[in-house]
Amino acid sequence: MDNSKKKRLRARTNRVMRVRKKVRGTAQRPRLSVHKTNQHIYAQIIDDESGITLAGMSSVSKENQSTSMNKKSKETARHIGKQIAELAKKKSIEAVIFDRGRYKYHGVIAELAEGAREAGLRF
C-alpha cells in the first residue's frame, strides 16, 4: 500500500473513532448504526453490551429488492428509517443512540434519521 492510501485509511479510522468513542449502545438504549456505499444504505440496531445486532434493514433487504427502494436515494433512506423504527418497536425498543459513523449528518443520513423519528423512534 502506498503512503497516500495509508494516510487516507488512517484519517478515515480517526473520523470513525472520534464519533464512536462518544457513542455506546446499551440494552435499554441500543445504537442505531448507519453505513452507506455508493449504491446502497444500511441501518442496524446494536446492543454493545452483549455485542449482538437486534435488528437490521437495508436497501438490499428482501423487502426492498423488488421495489423502487433498492438504490441509494433520499426517499429510500427515509423509507429504511421508517422500516428500522417499526422493527425496533416490534422488539419494544423506544429510544436509540444515533451513530452516523464517519458520515456527516446531511443528505441520506439525515433523511434516514428523520424517517426513523417520524415512525416514533426517539434519539
N, C-alpha and C. Protein backbone atom coordinates (compact mmCIF):
# COMPACT_ATOMS: atom_id res chain seq x y z
N MET A 1 0.86 -1.18 0.00
CA MET A 1 0.00 0.00 0.00
C MET A 1 0.89 1.23 0.00
N ASP A 2 0.63 2.14 -0.88
CA ASP A 2 1.50 3.31 -0.89
C ASP A 2 1.06 4.30 0.19
N ASN A 3 1.86 5.31 0.39
CA ASN A 3 1.71 6.20 1.54
C ASN A 3 0.39 6.98 1.54
N SER A 4 -0.09 7.40 0.37
CA SER A 4 -1.31 8.19 0.33
C SER A 4 -2.53 7.36 0.74
N LYS A 5 -2.55 6.08 0.37
CA LYS A 5 -3.65 5.21 0.77
C LYS A 5 -3.64 4.97 2.27
N LYS A 6 -2.45 4.79 2.82
CA LYS A 6 -2.33 4.60 4.27
C LYS A 6 -2.82 5.83 5.02
N LYS A 7 -2.47 6.98 4.48
CA LYS A 7 -2.86 8.24 5.11
C LYS A 7 -4.39 8.41 5.10
N ARG A 8 -5.03 8.08 3.95
CA ARG A 8 -6.49 8.17 3.85
C ARG A 8 -7.17 7.18 4.79
N LEU A 9 -6.63 5.97 4.86
CA LEU A 9 -7.19 4.95 5.73
C LEU A 9 -7.08 5.37 7.20
N ARG A 10 -5.95 5.94 7.58
CA ARG A 10 -5.75 6.41 8.94
C ARG A 10 -6.71 7.56 9.27
N ALA A 11 -6.91 8.49 8.34
CA ALA A 11 -7.82 9.60 8.56
C ALA A 11 -9.26 9.10 8.69
N ARG A 12 -9.64 8.12 7.87
CA ARG A 12 -10.99 7.55 7.93
C ARG A 12 -11.22 6.87 9.27
N THR A 13 -10.24 6.10 9.72
CA THR A 13 -10.35 5.42 11.01
C THR A 13 -10.45 6.42 12.14
N ASN A 14 -9.68 7.50 12.07
CA ASN A 14 -9.75 8.53 13.11
C ASN A 14 -11.11 9.20 13.15
N ARG A 15 -11.72 9.45 11.98
CA ARG A 15 -13.06 10.04 11.95
C ARG A 15 -14.08 9.13 12.60
N VAL A 16 -14.00 7.85 12.27
CA VAL A 16 -14.94 6.89 12.86
C VAL A 16 -14.78 6.85 14.37
N MET A 17 -13.57 6.77 14.85
CA MET A 17 -13.34 6.64 16.29
C MET A 17 -13.67 7.92 17.05
N ARG A 18 -13.53 9.07 16.40
CA ARG A 18 -13.89 10.33 17.04
C ARG A 18 -15.38 10.35 17.39
N VAL A 19 -16.20 9.82 16.50
CA VAL A 19 -17.64 9.75 16.75
C VAL A 19 -17.95 8.58 17.68
N ARG A 20 -17.35 7.42 17.41
CA ARG A 20 -17.71 6.20 18.11
C ARG A 20 -17.32 6.20 19.58
N LYS A 21 -16.26 6.97 19.96
CA LYS A 21 -15.84 6.96 21.37
C LYS A 21 -16.88 7.60 22.28
N LYS A 22 -17.75 8.44 21.71
CA LYS A 22 -18.79 9.09 22.50
C LYS A 22 -20.11 8.32 22.46
N VAL A 23 -20.22 7.36 21.55
CA VAL A 23 -21.48 6.67 21.31
C VAL A 23 -21.33 5.22 21.75
N ARG A 24 -22.17 4.80 22.70
CA ARG A 24 -22.14 3.42 23.19
C ARG A 24 -23.57 2.98 23.44
N GLY A 25 -23.98 1.89 22.83
CA GLY A 25 -25.34 1.38 22.98
C GLY A 25 -25.46 0.47 24.18
N THR A 26 -26.60 0.53 24.86
CA THR A 26 -26.88 -0.33 25.99
C THR A 26 -28.11 -1.17 25.67
N ALA A 27 -28.49 -2.04 26.60
CA ALA A 27 -29.67 -2.87 26.38
C ALA A 27 -30.94 -2.02 26.38
N GLN A 28 -30.97 -0.97 27.22
CA GLN A 28 -32.15 -0.10 27.28
C GLN A 28 -32.18 0.88 26.12
N ARG A 29 -31.01 1.31 25.68
CA ARG A 29 -30.92 2.29 24.60
C ARG A 29 -29.81 1.87 23.63
N PRO A 30 -30.15 0.99 22.67
CA PRO A 30 -29.12 0.50 21.75
C PRO A 30 -28.69 1.54 20.74
N ARG A 31 -27.67 1.21 19.98
CA ARG A 31 -27.08 2.11 18.99
C ARG A 31 -27.68 1.84 17.62
N LEU A 32 -28.13 2.91 16.94
CA LEU A 32 -28.59 2.82 15.56
C LEU A 32 -27.42 3.22 14.66
N SER A 33 -26.78 2.22 14.07
CA SER A 33 -25.60 2.44 13.26
C SER A 33 -25.99 2.52 11.79
N VAL A 34 -25.43 3.50 11.08
CA VAL A 34 -25.75 3.73 9.67
C VAL A 34 -24.48 3.59 8.85
N HIS A 35 -24.61 2.90 7.73
CA HIS A 35 -23.50 2.75 6.79
C HIS A 35 -24.04 2.96 5.38
N LYS A 36 -23.24 3.60 4.54
CA LYS A 36 -23.67 3.79 3.16
C LYS A 36 -22.52 3.48 2.23
N THR A 37 -22.88 3.02 1.04
CA THR A 37 -21.92 2.81 -0.02
C THR A 37 -22.37 3.66 -1.20
N ASN A 38 -21.72 3.51 -2.33
CA ASN A 38 -22.12 4.29 -3.50
C ASN A 38 -23.49 3.88 -4.02
N GLN A 39 -23.92 2.66 -3.75
CA GLN A 39 -25.18 2.18 -4.30
C GLN A 39 -26.25 1.88 -3.26
N HIS A 40 -25.88 1.61 -2.02
CA HIS A 40 -26.85 1.14 -1.03
C HIS A 40 -26.66 1.85 0.31
N ILE A 41 -27.67 1.68 1.18
CA ILE A 41 -27.63 2.24 2.53
C ILE A 41 -28.10 1.17 3.51
N TYR A 42 -27.45 1.10 4.66
CA TYR A 42 -27.70 0.06 5.65
C TYR A 42 -27.93 0.70 7.02
N ALA A 43 -28.81 0.09 7.83
CA ALA A 43 -29.04 0.54 9.20
C ALA A 43 -29.16 -0.68 10.10
N GLN A 44 -28.52 -0.62 11.27
CA GLN A 44 -28.57 -1.70 12.24
C GLN A 44 -28.80 -1.14 13.62
N ILE A 45 -29.53 -1.88 14.44
CA ILE A 45 -29.69 -1.54 15.85
C ILE A 45 -28.85 -2.56 16.62
N ILE A 46 -27.87 -2.05 17.38
CA ILE A 46 -26.86 -2.89 18.01
C ILE A 46 -26.83 -2.66 19.52
N ASP A 47 -26.81 -3.75 20.28
CA ASP A 47 -26.59 -3.70 21.72
C ASP A 47 -25.12 -3.95 21.96
N ASP A 48 -24.37 -2.92 22.35
CA ASP A 48 -22.93 -3.03 22.51
C ASP A 48 -22.52 -3.79 23.77
N GLU A 49 -23.38 -3.84 24.77
CA GLU A 49 -23.03 -4.55 26.00
C GLU A 49 -22.90 -6.05 25.74
N SER A 50 -23.87 -6.61 25.02
CA SER A 50 -23.80 -8.04 24.72
C SER A 50 -23.22 -8.32 23.34
N GLY A 51 -23.03 -7.28 22.53
CA GLY A 51 -22.39 -7.44 21.23
C GLY A 51 -23.25 -8.12 20.19
N ILE A 52 -24.56 -7.87 20.21
CA ILE A 52 -25.44 -8.50 19.24
C ILE A 52 -26.21 -7.45 18.45
N THR A 53 -26.58 -7.82 17.23
CA THR A 53 -27.41 -6.96 16.40
C THR A 53 -28.86 -7.33 16.64
N LEU A 54 -29.66 -6.36 17.06
CA LEU A 54 -31.05 -6.62 17.38
C LEU A 54 -31.96 -6.55 16.16
N ALA A 55 -31.66 -5.65 15.24
CA ALA A 55 -32.46 -5.50 14.03
C ALA A 55 -31.59 -4.88 12.95
N GLY A 56 -31.94 -5.16 11.71
CA GLY A 56 -31.20 -4.59 10.59
C GLY A 56 -32.09 -4.42 9.38
N MET A 57 -31.83 -3.39 8.61
CA MET A 57 -32.59 -3.13 7.39
C MET A 57 -31.67 -2.42 6.41
N SER A 58 -31.85 -2.69 5.13
CA SER A 58 -31.02 -2.05 4.13
C SER A 58 -31.76 -2.00 2.80
N SER A 59 -31.13 -1.34 1.85
CA SER A 59 -31.73 -1.26 0.52
C SER A 59 -31.54 -2.57 -0.25
N VAL A 60 -30.77 -3.50 0.28
CA VAL A 60 -30.63 -4.81 -0.35
C VAL A 60 -31.41 -5.90 0.38
N SER A 61 -32.22 -5.52 1.38
CA SER A 61 -33.04 -6.49 2.10
C SER A 61 -34.11 -7.06 1.17
N LYS A 62 -34.63 -8.23 1.52
CA LYS A 62 -35.64 -8.89 0.69
C LYS A 62 -36.88 -8.02 0.50
N GLU A 63 -37.26 -7.27 1.53
CA GLU A 63 -38.45 -6.43 1.44
C GLU A 63 -38.29 -5.32 0.40
N ASN A 64 -37.06 -4.89 0.16
CA ASN A 64 -36.81 -3.75 -0.72
C ASN A 64 -36.27 -4.13 -2.10
N GLN A 65 -35.93 -5.39 -2.32
CA GLN A 65 -35.31 -5.78 -3.58
C GLN A 65 -36.24 -5.61 -4.78
N SER A 66 -37.50 -5.96 -4.63
CA SER A 66 -38.41 -5.92 -5.77
C SER A 66 -39.14 -4.58 -5.90
N THR A 67 -38.82 -3.62 -5.06
CA THR A 67 -39.47 -2.32 -5.12
C THR A 67 -38.51 -1.28 -5.69
N SER A 68 -38.96 -0.05 -5.73
CA SER A 68 -38.09 1.03 -6.21
C SER A 68 -37.13 1.50 -5.12
N MET A 69 -37.18 0.90 -3.95
CA MET A 69 -36.34 1.28 -2.82
C MET A 69 -35.07 0.44 -2.75
N ASN A 70 -34.55 -0.01 -3.90
CA ASN A 70 -33.35 -0.86 -3.88
C ASN A 70 -32.09 -0.11 -4.30
N LYS A 71 -32.16 1.20 -4.42
CA LYS A 71 -30.98 2.03 -4.72
C LYS A 71 -30.85 3.11 -3.64
N LYS A 72 -29.65 3.66 -3.51
CA LYS A 72 -29.44 4.71 -2.51
C LYS A 72 -30.02 6.02 -3.02
N SER A 73 -30.98 6.57 -2.26
CA SER A 73 -31.54 7.88 -2.55
C SER A 73 -32.15 8.40 -1.25
N LYS A 74 -32.56 9.65 -1.26
CA LYS A 74 -33.15 10.21 -0.05
C LYS A 74 -34.48 9.55 0.28
N GLU A 75 -35.28 9.22 -0.74
CA GLU A 75 -36.57 8.55 -0.50
C GLU A 75 -36.33 7.16 0.10
N THR A 76 -35.35 6.45 -0.42
CA THR A 76 -35.02 5.13 0.10
C THR A 76 -34.54 5.23 1.55
N ALA A 77 -33.71 6.22 1.84
CA ALA A 77 -33.19 6.39 3.19
C ALA A 77 -34.32 6.66 4.18
N ARG A 78 -35.28 7.51 3.81
CA ARG A 78 -36.41 7.80 4.69
C ARG A 78 -37.24 6.53 4.90
N HIS A 79 -37.44 5.76 3.84
CA HIS A 79 -38.20 4.52 3.92
C HIS A 79 -37.51 3.51 4.83
N ILE A 80 -36.20 3.38 4.71
CA ILE A 80 -35.45 2.45 5.56
C ILE A 80 -35.47 2.90 7.01
N GLY A 81 -35.44 4.22 7.23
CA GLY A 81 -35.57 4.74 8.59
C GLY A 81 -36.90 4.35 9.22
N LYS A 82 -37.96 4.43 8.43
CA LYS A 82 -39.28 4.02 8.94
C LYS A 82 -39.33 2.53 9.20
N GLN A 83 -38.74 1.73 8.31
CA GLN A 83 -38.74 0.29 8.48
C GLN A 83 -37.94 -0.14 9.71
N ILE A 84 -36.80 0.48 9.95
CA ILE A 84 -35.98 0.11 11.11
C ILE A 84 -36.68 0.51 12.40
N ALA A 85 -37.42 1.62 12.37
CA ALA A 85 -38.18 2.03 13.56
C ALA A 85 -39.31 1.05 13.84
N GLU A 86 -39.95 0.54 12.80
CA GLU A 86 -41.01 -0.46 13.00
C GLU A 86 -40.43 -1.75 13.58
N LEU A 87 -39.26 -2.17 13.08
CA LEU A 87 -38.62 -3.36 13.64
C LEU A 87 -38.25 -3.14 15.11
N ALA A 88 -37.79 -1.94 15.43
CA ALA A 88 -37.43 -1.64 16.81
C ALA A 88 -38.66 -1.68 17.71
N LYS A 89 -39.78 -1.15 17.23
CA LYS A 89 -41.00 -1.17 18.05
C LYS A 89 -41.48 -2.59 18.29
N LYS A 90 -41.32 -3.48 17.30
CA LYS A 90 -41.70 -4.88 17.48
C LYS A 90 -40.86 -5.52 18.58
N LYS A 91 -39.62 -5.07 18.73
CA LYS A 91 -38.74 -5.60 19.76
C LYS A 91 -38.78 -4.76 21.03
N SER A 92 -39.79 -3.89 21.14
CA SER A 92 -40.04 -2.99 22.28
C SER A 92 -38.86 -2.08 22.59
N ILE A 93 -38.28 -1.51 21.55
CA ILE A 93 -37.21 -0.52 21.68
C ILE A 93 -37.81 0.83 21.33
N GLU A 94 -37.81 1.75 22.28
CA GLU A 94 -38.42 3.07 22.06
C GLU A 94 -37.39 4.15 21.74
N ALA A 95 -36.18 4.02 22.32
CA ALA A 95 -35.16 5.06 22.16
C ALA A 95 -33.83 4.41 21.78
N VAL A 96 -33.09 5.09 20.91
CA VAL A 96 -31.78 4.61 20.48
C VAL A 96 -30.78 5.76 20.53
N ILE A 97 -29.52 5.42 20.35
CA ILE A 97 -28.45 6.41 20.19
C ILE A 97 -28.03 6.36 18.74
N PHE A 98 -28.06 7.49 18.05
CA PHE A 98 -27.77 7.52 16.62
C PHE A 98 -26.27 7.57 16.39
N ASP A 99 -25.78 6.64 15.59
CA ASP A 99 -24.36 6.56 15.25
C ASP A 99 -24.22 6.79 13.75
N ARG A 100 -23.77 7.98 13.39
CA ARG A 100 -23.64 8.33 11.98
C ARG A 100 -22.34 7.82 11.39
N GLY A 101 -21.47 7.26 12.21
CA GLY A 101 -20.20 6.74 11.73
C GLY A 101 -19.29 7.87 11.29
N ARG A 102 -18.67 7.71 10.13
CA ARG A 102 -17.77 8.74 9.64
C ARG A 102 -18.46 9.73 8.73
N TYR A 103 -19.77 9.60 8.56
CA TYR A 103 -20.50 10.43 7.61
C TYR A 103 -21.06 11.68 8.27
N LYS A 104 -21.12 12.76 7.52
CA LYS A 104 -21.72 13.99 8.01
C LYS A 104 -23.23 13.80 8.11
N TYR A 105 -23.84 14.55 9.02
CA TYR A 105 -25.28 14.45 9.21
C TYR A 105 -25.98 15.35 8.19
N HIS A 106 -26.05 14.89 6.96
CA HIS A 106 -26.80 15.57 5.91
C HIS A 106 -27.07 14.57 4.80
N GLY A 107 -27.94 14.91 3.87
CA GLY A 107 -28.24 14.03 2.76
C GLY A 107 -28.99 12.79 3.19
N VAL A 108 -28.54 11.63 2.73
CA VAL A 108 -29.26 10.40 3.02
C VAL A 108 -29.18 10.01 4.49
N ILE A 109 -28.12 10.40 5.19
CA ILE A 109 -28.00 10.08 6.62
C ILE A 109 -29.07 10.84 7.40
N ALA A 110 -29.24 12.11 7.10
CA ALA A 110 -30.26 12.92 7.78
C ALA A 110 -31.66 12.43 7.43
N GLU A 111 -31.88 12.02 6.18
CA GLU A 111 -33.19 11.51 5.77
C GLU A 111 -33.53 10.22 6.50
N LEU A 112 -32.56 9.33 6.68
CA LEU A 112 -32.80 8.10 7.42
C LEU A 112 -33.18 8.42 8.86
N ALA A 113 -32.48 9.36 9.47
CA ALA A 113 -32.78 9.75 10.85
C ALA A 113 -34.19 10.35 10.95
N GLU A 114 -34.56 11.20 10.00
CA GLU A 114 -35.89 11.81 10.02
C GLU A 114 -36.98 10.76 9.82
N GLY A 115 -36.74 9.79 8.96
CA GLY A 115 -37.70 8.71 8.76
C GLY A 115 -37.90 7.90 10.02
N ALA A 116 -36.82 7.62 10.74
CA ALA A 116 -36.93 6.87 11.99
C ALA A 116 -37.67 7.69 13.05
N ARG A 117 -37.42 9.00 13.08
CA ARG A 117 -38.14 9.86 14.03
C ARG A 117 -39.62 9.94 13.70
N GLU A 118 -39.95 10.01 12.41
CA GLU A 118 -41.36 10.05 12.00
C GLU A 118 -42.11 8.81 12.45
N ALA A 119 -41.43 7.66 12.42
CA ALA A 119 -42.07 6.40 12.79
C ALA A 119 -42.09 6.19 14.31
N GLY A 120 -41.55 7.14 15.08
CA GLY A 120 -41.69 7.09 16.52
C GLY A 120 -40.45 6.70 17.30
N LEU A 121 -39.32 6.54 16.66
CA LEU A 121 -38.10 6.21 17.37
C LEU A 121 -37.49 7.49 17.94
N ARG A 122 -37.10 7.47 19.23
CA ARG A 122 -36.55 8.68 19.86
C ARG A 122 -35.03 8.60 19.92
N PHE A 123 -34.37 9.71 19.54
CA PHE A 123 -32.93 9.88 19.72
C PHE A 123 -32.58 11.33 19.55
